[in-house]
Amino acid sequence: MMNPASTRTSLVNSLRPISDDPAAAVALVRAAVRSRNDPDDESVPFLSSLERDIVAGVARGTLWFREGRAVGIALWSAPAPLGLTVEVLHLEDGLGSTAAYEQFFHDVEAAAGPVAFAPGRLAGLSTAEESRLMEHLGFAMFARSEMRFPPTAEPPAAVAVSGLAPFASEDETELRRVYRNAYDGQLDRFLFQLDPDPEKEAVAAIREILDGRWGEFLPWASFVVRDERAVVAATLVTRAPYGPLIAHVMVDPRSQGKGLGRAVLTATVRALRDRHESVIVLNVTEGNTRAIRLYEGLGFVRTIGPSHGWYSTGRIPVTGRDP
């Protein structure tokens, strides 16, 4: 995983495998997650997953040692085309200075490869200090929120739109085109990117949803709008551990402004309620004002977040923030 020959060290700092001190790794990752101030319903599953990986010896990451003692931890997901997604970057209380985090960050990149995404809320740094550091390292901030449709709210009135229909298997090919066009140049395209080629990425992203990679696909709750030529809008819904998750609300840019996003999302909410689903969840990137306006207009409210992170401006070619 790491190439010791490429690891930068000093007289007092060095990277070492998590297996050198798994107990310290667990303690540091607990402190890291606590420092983020996330609600329990979000942080507990995340922390449990990290702890299991550490104990099982399969965690991707490293410990940062200072004078023989583990004082920092970095954990990352499997390498992706754009680089690493670092999920945890943490230094223990009293060591979290901008200079220490900068050296730790460079040590991680030298050992494991370039970083595409980095976590926010670096323990020991003020918001201003964290911003100055990350911008100096070539990163820009982004934020995500969870939104839910209130379980006691009445579903929105049906929207009459020509060509509205439940998902059918023959829609898959055209959904790839809608996905590619809807997310072109948007940060959301890169958050879970599977392939740097837009065509291959669209194929993989849609196939993962339909194959149940993120939970059972719910075709009866997923809808498309087809005009006289092709599919131009869609929702895709999966069953997450906590309930139905609206994984995608997509409208081809050439068909935006016609109420199609509202039509497919309304149809999804009504279909879920018809089957007595009380939990209806979606996630949104802050700055996507068009989507937020749609969701809030239908009655969705923020339940978790916004939680911020950082993306590499040099590795992620974002050209738009408001799809």
Protein backbone atom coordinates (compact mmCIF):
# COMPACT_ATOMS: atom_id res chain seq x y z
CA MET A 1 0.00 0.00 0.00
CA MET A 2 2.77 2.40 0.95
CA ASN A 3 6.18 2.74 -0.57
CA PRO A 4 8.57 3.32 2.36
CA ALA A 5 11.24 4.62 0.01
CA SER A 6 8.96 7.46 -1.06
CA THR A 7 7.88 8.44 2.47
CA ARG A 8 9.14 11.83 3.59
CA THR A 9 10.44 11.78 7.15
CA SER A 10 12.20 14.11 9.53
CA LEU A 11 14.13 13.47 12.71
CA VAL A 12 10.90 13.35 14.71
CA ASN A 13 8.10 12.53 12.25
CA SER A 14 7.47 9.36 10.28
CA LEU A 15 4.68 7.35 8.74
CA ARG A 16 4.21 3.79 9.92
CA PRO A 17 1.64 1.06 9.21
CA ILE A 18 -1.56 1.02 11.22
CA SER A 19 -0.67 -2.53 12.24
CA ASP A 20 2.20 -1.09 14.31
CA ASP A 21 -0.32 0.23 16.86
CA PRO A 22 -3.96 -0.64 16.10
CA ALA A 23 -5.11 0.43 19.57
CA ALA A 24 -3.72 3.92 18.98
CA ALA A 25 -5.32 3.92 15.53
CA VAL A 26 -8.76 3.19 17.00
CA ALA A 27 -8.33 5.90 19.65
CA LEU A 28 -7.24 8.46 17.06
CA VAL A 29 -10.05 7.66 14.65
CA ARG A 30 -12.61 7.96 17.48
CA ALA A 31 -11.21 11.38 18.35
CA ALA A 32 -11.26 12.35 14.67
CA VAL A 33 -14.93 11.46 14.20
CA ARG A 34 -15.93 13.15 17.48
CA SER A 35 -14.18 16.33 16.39
CA ARG A 36 -16.40 16.54 13.29
CA ASN A 37 -19.54 17.12 15.40
CA ASP A 38 -21.66 14.95 13.10
CA PRO A 39 -24.98 13.66 14.45
CA ASP A 40 -24.88 10.16 15.91
CA ASP A 41 -27.06 8.72 13.17
CA GLU A 42 -24.38 9.68 10.65
CA SER A 43 -21.15 9.30 12.64
CA VAL A 44 -21.79 6.01 14.45
CA PRO A 45 -22.04 3.79 11.32
CA PHE A 46 -19.03 5.58 9.78
CA LEU A 47 -16.96 5.12 12.94
CA SER A 48 -18.02 1.48 13.33
CA SER A 49 -16.94 0.74 9.76
CA LEU A 50 -13.54 2.37 10.29
CA GLU A 51 -12.95 0.55 13.56
CA ARG A 52 -13.85 -2.81 11.98
CA ASP A 53 -11.38 -2.23 9.16
CA ILE A 54 -8.62 -1.27 11.61
CA VAL A 55 -9.17 -4.32 13.82
CA ALA A 56 -9.40 -6.61 10.78
CA GLY A 57 -6.16 -5.22 9.40
CA VAL A 58 -7.69 -4.06 6.11
CA ALA A 59 -7.84 -0.30 6.71
CA ARG A 60 -6.15 1.78 4.01
CA GLY A 61 -4.11 4.40 5.76
CA THR A 62 -1.21 5.23 7.99
CA LEU A 63 -0.22 6.42 11.44
CA TRP A 64 1.94 9.49 11.89
CA PHE A 65 4.53 9.01 14.59
CA ARG A 66 6.34 11.75 16.45
CA GLU A 67 9.25 10.78 18.69
CA GLY A 68 8.11 7.17 18.74
CA ARG A 69 4.44 7.79 19.55
CA ALA A 70 1.40 7.67 17.24
CA VAL A 71 -0.04 11.20 17.17
CA GLY A 72 -1.93 11.28 13.88
CA ILE A 73 -3.92 9.09 11.53
CA ALA A 74 -4.90 9.25 7.87
CA LEU A 75 -7.41 6.85 6.32
CA TRP A 76 -8.45 6.76 2.68
CA SER A 77 -10.71 4.82 0.36
CA ALA A 78 -9.55 2.70 -2.56
CA PRO A 79 -7.61 4.72 -5.16
CA ALA A 80 -9.84 6.22 -7.85
CA PRO A 81 -8.98 7.68 -11.28
CA LEU A 82 -8.63 11.19 -9.87
CA GLY A 83 -6.62 10.22 -6.80
CA LEU A 84 -7.27 9.32 -3.18
CA THR A 85 -10.33 10.25 -1.17
CA VAL A 86 -8.96 10.82 2.32
CA GLU A 87 -11.73 10.08 4.80
CA VAL A 88 -9.85 10.90 8.01
CA LEU A 89 -6.95 13.29 8.56
CA HIS A 90 -6.40 13.91 12.23
CA LEU A 91 -3.72 15.04 14.67
CA GLU A 92 -4.17 14.67 18.39
CA ASP A 93 -5.01 17.58 20.68
CA GLY A 94 -2.20 20.10 20.96
CA LEU A 95 -0.52 19.17 17.68
CA GLY A 96 -3.11 20.42 15.20
CA SER A 97 -1.26 23.43 13.80
CA THR A 98 -1.35 24.45 10.14
CA ALA A 99 2.35 23.62 9.81
CA ALA A 100 1.87 20.13 11.27
CA TYR A 101 -1.14 19.37 9.06
CA GLU A 102 0.71 20.62 5.99
CA GLN A 103 3.64 18.30 6.68
CA PHE A 104 1.29 15.39 7.45
CA PHE A 105 -0.61 16.00 4.21
CA HIS A 106 2.60 16.06 2.15
CA ASP A 107 3.81 12.91 3.90
CA VAL A 108 0.57 11.13 3.01
CA GLU A 109 0.77 12.18 -0.65
CA ALA A 110 4.41 11.13 -0.88
CA ALA A 111 3.58 7.72 0.57
CA ALA A 112 0.21 6.93 -0.99
CA GLY A 113 -0.30 9.17 -4.02
CA PRO A 114 -2.12 12.38 -4.94
CA VAL A 115 -5.24 13.37 -2.99
CA ALA A 116 -8.43 14.30 -4.85
CA PHE A 117 -10.74 14.77 -1.85
CA ALA A 118 -9.88 15.63 1.74
CA PRO A 119 -12.06 15.79 4.86
CA GLY A 120 -13.16 18.99 6.54
CA ARG A 121 -13.08 20.00 10.21
CA LEU A 122 -9.41 19.41 10.91
CA ALA A 123 -9.11 19.10 14.69
CA GLY A 124 -7.19 21.91 16.34
CA LEU A 125 -7.66 24.40 13.50
CA SER A 126 -10.14 27.23 13.34
CA THR A 127 -12.35 27.48 10.27
CA ALA A 128 -10.20 30.33 8.95
CA GLU A 129 -6.95 28.43 9.56
CA GLU A 130 -8.30 25.32 7.85
CA SER A 131 -9.46 27.36 4.85
CA ARG A 132 -6.10 29.10 4.44
CA LEU A 133 -4.23 25.80 4.69
CA MET A 134 -6.39 23.88 2.23
CA GLU A 135 -6.49 26.70 -0.29
CA HIS A 136 -2.69 26.91 -0.02
CA LEU A 137 -2.58 23.18 -0.83
CA GLY A 138 -4.75 23.72 -3.92
CA PHE A 139 -8.18 22.70 -2.60
CA ALA A 140 -11.61 24.34 -2.68
CA MET A 141 -14.43 23.74 -0.21
CA PHE A 142 -17.65 21.92 -0.97
CA ALA A 143 -20.51 20.94 1.34
CA ARG A 144 -23.21 18.27 1.27
CA SER A 145 -26.51 17.97 3.13
CA GLU A 146 -29.03 15.21 3.68
CA MET A 147 -32.65 16.21 3.06
CA ARG A 148 -35.75 14.21 4.01
CA PHE A 149 -39.41 14.44 3.18
CA PRO A 150 -41.17 14.81 6.56
CA PRO A 151 -42.89 11.53 7.50
CA THR A 152 -46.11 13.31 8.53
CA ALA A 153 -46.31 15.61 5.49
CA GLU A 154 -48.87 15.06 2.78
CA PRO A 155 -47.28 14.04 -0.54
CA PRO A 156 -47.21 16.78 -3.18
CA ALA A 157 -49.94 16.93 -5.78
CA ALA A 158 -49.26 14.94 -8.94
CA VAL A 159 -47.71 16.90 -11.81
CA ALA A 160 -49.30 16.30 -15.21
CA VAL A 161 -46.45 15.90 -17.71
CA SER A 162 -46.58 14.12 -21.03
CA GLY A 163 -44.31 11.10 -21.21
CA LEU A 164 -44.05 10.49 -17.45
CA ALA A 165 -43.75 6.76 -16.68
CA PRO A 166 -42.14 4.33 -14.22
CA PHE A 167 -38.63 3.13 -15.04
CA ALA A 168 -38.40 0.29 -17.55
CA SER A 169 -35.32 -1.80 -18.30
CA GLU A 170 -35.13 -0.49 -21.87
CA ASP A 171 -34.53 3.01 -20.46
CA GLU A 172 -31.01 2.15 -19.29
CA THR A 173 -29.15 3.17 -22.46
CA GLU A 174 -30.84 6.56 -22.61
CA LEU A 175 -30.34 7.14 -18.89
CA ARG A 176 -26.59 7.02 -19.50
CA ARG A 177 -26.92 10.00 -21.83
CA VAL A 178 -29.08 11.92 -19.34
CA TYR A 179 -26.56 11.17 -16.57
CA ARG A 180 -23.61 12.30 -18.70
CA ASN A 181 -25.28 15.54 -19.78
CA ALA A 182 -26.84 16.41 -16.42
CA TYR A 183 -23.59 16.07 -14.48
CA ASP A 184 -21.21 17.45 -17.10
CA GLY A 185 -18.82 19.87 -15.42
CA GLN A 186 -20.52 19.50 -12.03
CA LEU A 187 -18.79 18.51 -8.80
CA ASP A 188 -21.35 15.75 -8.22
CA ARG A 189 -19.96 13.85 -11.20
CA PHE A 190 -16.59 13.52 -9.49
CA LEU A 191 -17.67 12.69 -5.93
CA PHE A 192 -18.07 8.98 -6.71
CA GLN A 193 -16.34 8.80 -10.07
CA LEU A 194 -15.66 5.32 -11.43
CA ASP A 195 -13.93 6.13 -14.73
CA PRO A 196 -12.31 9.30 -16.15
CA ASP A 197 -13.97 8.76 -19.53
CA PRO A 198 -17.46 10.38 -19.41
CA GLU A 199 -19.04 7.69 -21.56
CA LYS A 200 -17.65 4.81 -19.52
CA GLU A 201 -18.43 6.66 -16.30
CA ALA A 202 -22.09 7.01 -17.29
CA VAL A 203 -22.33 3.31 -18.13
CA ALA A 204 -20.74 2.29 -14.82
CA ALA A 205 -22.72 4.75 -12.68
CA ILE A 206 -26.12 3.69 -14.02
CA ARG A 207 -25.22 0.01 -13.94
CA GLU A 208 -24.12 0.24 -10.27
CA ILE A 209 -27.52 1.68 -9.33
CA LEU A 210 -29.46 -0.96 -11.26
CA ASP A 211 -27.28 -3.79 -9.93
CA GLY A 212 -27.90 -2.74 -6.32
CA ARG A 213 -24.39 -1.51 -5.51
CA TRP A 214 -25.87 1.11 -3.14
CA GLY A 215 -28.85 -0.98 -2.03
CA GLU A 216 -31.77 -2.70 -3.73
CA PHE A 217 -32.89 -0.75 -6.80
CA LEU A 218 -36.58 0.24 -6.63
CA PRO A 219 -37.86 0.47 -10.22
CA TRP A 220 -41.44 1.06 -9.07
CA ALA A 221 -40.32 4.26 -7.30
CA SER A 222 -38.04 5.42 -10.12
CA PHE A 223 -39.52 7.48 -12.96
CA VAL A 224 -38.58 8.87 -16.36
CA VAL A 225 -39.99 11.51 -18.68
CA ARG A 226 -39.71 10.76 -22.35
CA ASP A 227 -40.34 13.39 -25.02
CA GLU A 228 -41.02 12.54 -28.65
CA ARG A 229 -37.37 11.56 -29.10
CA ALA A 230 -35.77 10.29 -25.90
CA VAL A 231 -35.67 10.15 -22.11
CA VAL A 232 -34.99 13.67 -20.81
CA ALA A 233 -35.49 13.36 -17.04
CA ALA A 234 -35.35 10.65 -14.39
CA THR A 235 -35.24 9.69 -10.73
CA LEU A 236 -33.42 6.55 -9.58
CA VAL A 237 -34.21 5.17 -6.11
CA THR A 238 -32.40 2.58 -3.99
CA ARG A 239 -33.09 1.11 -0.57
CA ALA A 240 -30.45 2.27 1.90
CA PRO A 241 -30.19 0.76 5.41
CA TYR A 242 -32.36 3.58 6.80
CA GLY A 243 -34.97 3.55 4.00
CA PRO A 244 -35.48 4.65 0.38
CA LEU A 245 -32.74 6.92 -0.98
CA ILE A 246 -33.38 9.02 -4.07
CA ALA A 247 -29.91 8.52 -5.53
CA HIS A 248 -30.41 10.68 -8.63
CA VAL A 249 -32.73 13.41 -9.83
CA MET A 250 -31.57 14.13 -13.39
CA VAL A 251 -32.81 16.45 -16.13
CA ASP A 252 -31.04 16.85 -19.47
CA PRO A 253 -29.84 20.50 -19.59
CA ARG A 254 -31.67 21.04 -22.89
CA SER A 255 -34.96 20.23 -21.15
CA GLN A 256 -34.48 22.16 -17.90
CA GLY A 257 -36.96 24.85 -16.92
CA LYS A 258 -40.01 22.83 -17.96
CA GLY A 259 -40.90 21.36 -14.57
CA LEU A 260 -39.63 17.89 -15.43
CA GLY A 261 -37.50 17.55 -12.31
CA ARG A 262 -40.53 18.41 -10.21
CA ALA A 263 -42.63 15.88 -12.14
CA VAL A 264 -40.32 12.88 -11.66
CA LEU A 265 -39.52 13.73 -8.03
CA THR A 266 -43.19 14.19 -7.17
CA ALA A 267 -44.01 10.87 -8.82
CA THR A 268 -41.29 9.19 -6.75
CA VAL A 269 -42.49 10.64 -3.44
CA ARG A 270 -46.09 9.67 -4.19
CA ALA A 271 -45.09 6.12 -5.20
CA LEU A 272 -43.11 5.65 -1.98
CA ARG A 273 -45.96 6.97 0.14
CA ASP A 274 -48.42 4.72 -1.67
CA ARG A 275 -46.36 1.80 -0.33
CA HIS A 276 -46.34 3.34 3.17
CA GLU A 277 -42.65 4.31 3.14
CA SER A 278 -42.17 6.93 5.85
CA VAL A 279 -38.43 7.56 5.25
CA ILE A 280 -37.63 9.36 1.99
CA VAL A 281 -34.09 10.70 1.71
CA LEU A 282 -31.90 12.48 -0.81
CA ASN A 283 -28.54 14.26 -0.66
CA VAL A 284 -27.61 17.57 -2.23
CA THR A 285 -24.44 19.52 -2.82
CA GLU A 286 -24.65 23.01 -1.39
CA GLY A 287 -24.44 25.62 -4.13
CA ASN A 288 -26.79 23.65 -6.36
CA THR A 289 -29.46 26.29 -5.89
CA ARG A 290 -31.79 24.99 -8.60
CA ALA A 291 -31.97 21.54 -6.98
CA ILE A 292 -32.31 22.92 -3.45
CA ARG A 293 -35.12 25.21 -4.57
CA LEU A 294 -36.91 22.21 -6.11
CA TYR A 295 -36.49 20.01 -3.05
CA GLU A 296 -37.55 22.67 -0.58
CA GLY A 297 -40.49 23.60 -2.77
CA LEU A 298 -41.76 20.02 -2.52
CA GLY A 299 -41.34 19.98 1.26
CA PHE A 300 -37.92 18.37 1.80
CA VAL A 301 -35.96 19.70 4.80
CA ARG A 302 -32.29 19.44 5.76
CA THR A 303 -31.73 16.78 8.40
CA ILE A 304 -27.94 16.36 8.37
CA GLY A 305 -25.39 18.95 7.34
CA PRO A 306 -24.14 20.83 5.63
CA SER A 307 -20.93 18.87 6.19
CA HIS A 308 -17.96 20.25 4.32
CA GLY A 309 -14.97 18.71 2.64
CA TRP A 310 -12.32 19.76 0.13
CA TYR A 311 -11.67 18.90 -3.52
CA SER A 312 -8.46 19.36 -5.47
CA THR A 313 -8.89 22.15 -8.01
CA GLY A 314 -5.92 20.78 -9.94
CA ARG A 315 -7.29 17.25 -10.27
CA ILE A 316 -11.04 17.86 -10.52
CA PRO A 317 -12.12 19.99 -13.50
CA VAL A 318 -15.29 21.54 -12.06
CA THR A 319 -16.75 24.07 -14.52
CA GLY A 320 -20.19 24.63 -12.98
CA ARG A 321 -21.75 24.61 -9.51
CA ASP A 322 -25.44 24.99 -10.32
CA PRO A 323 -26.66 22.22 -12.67
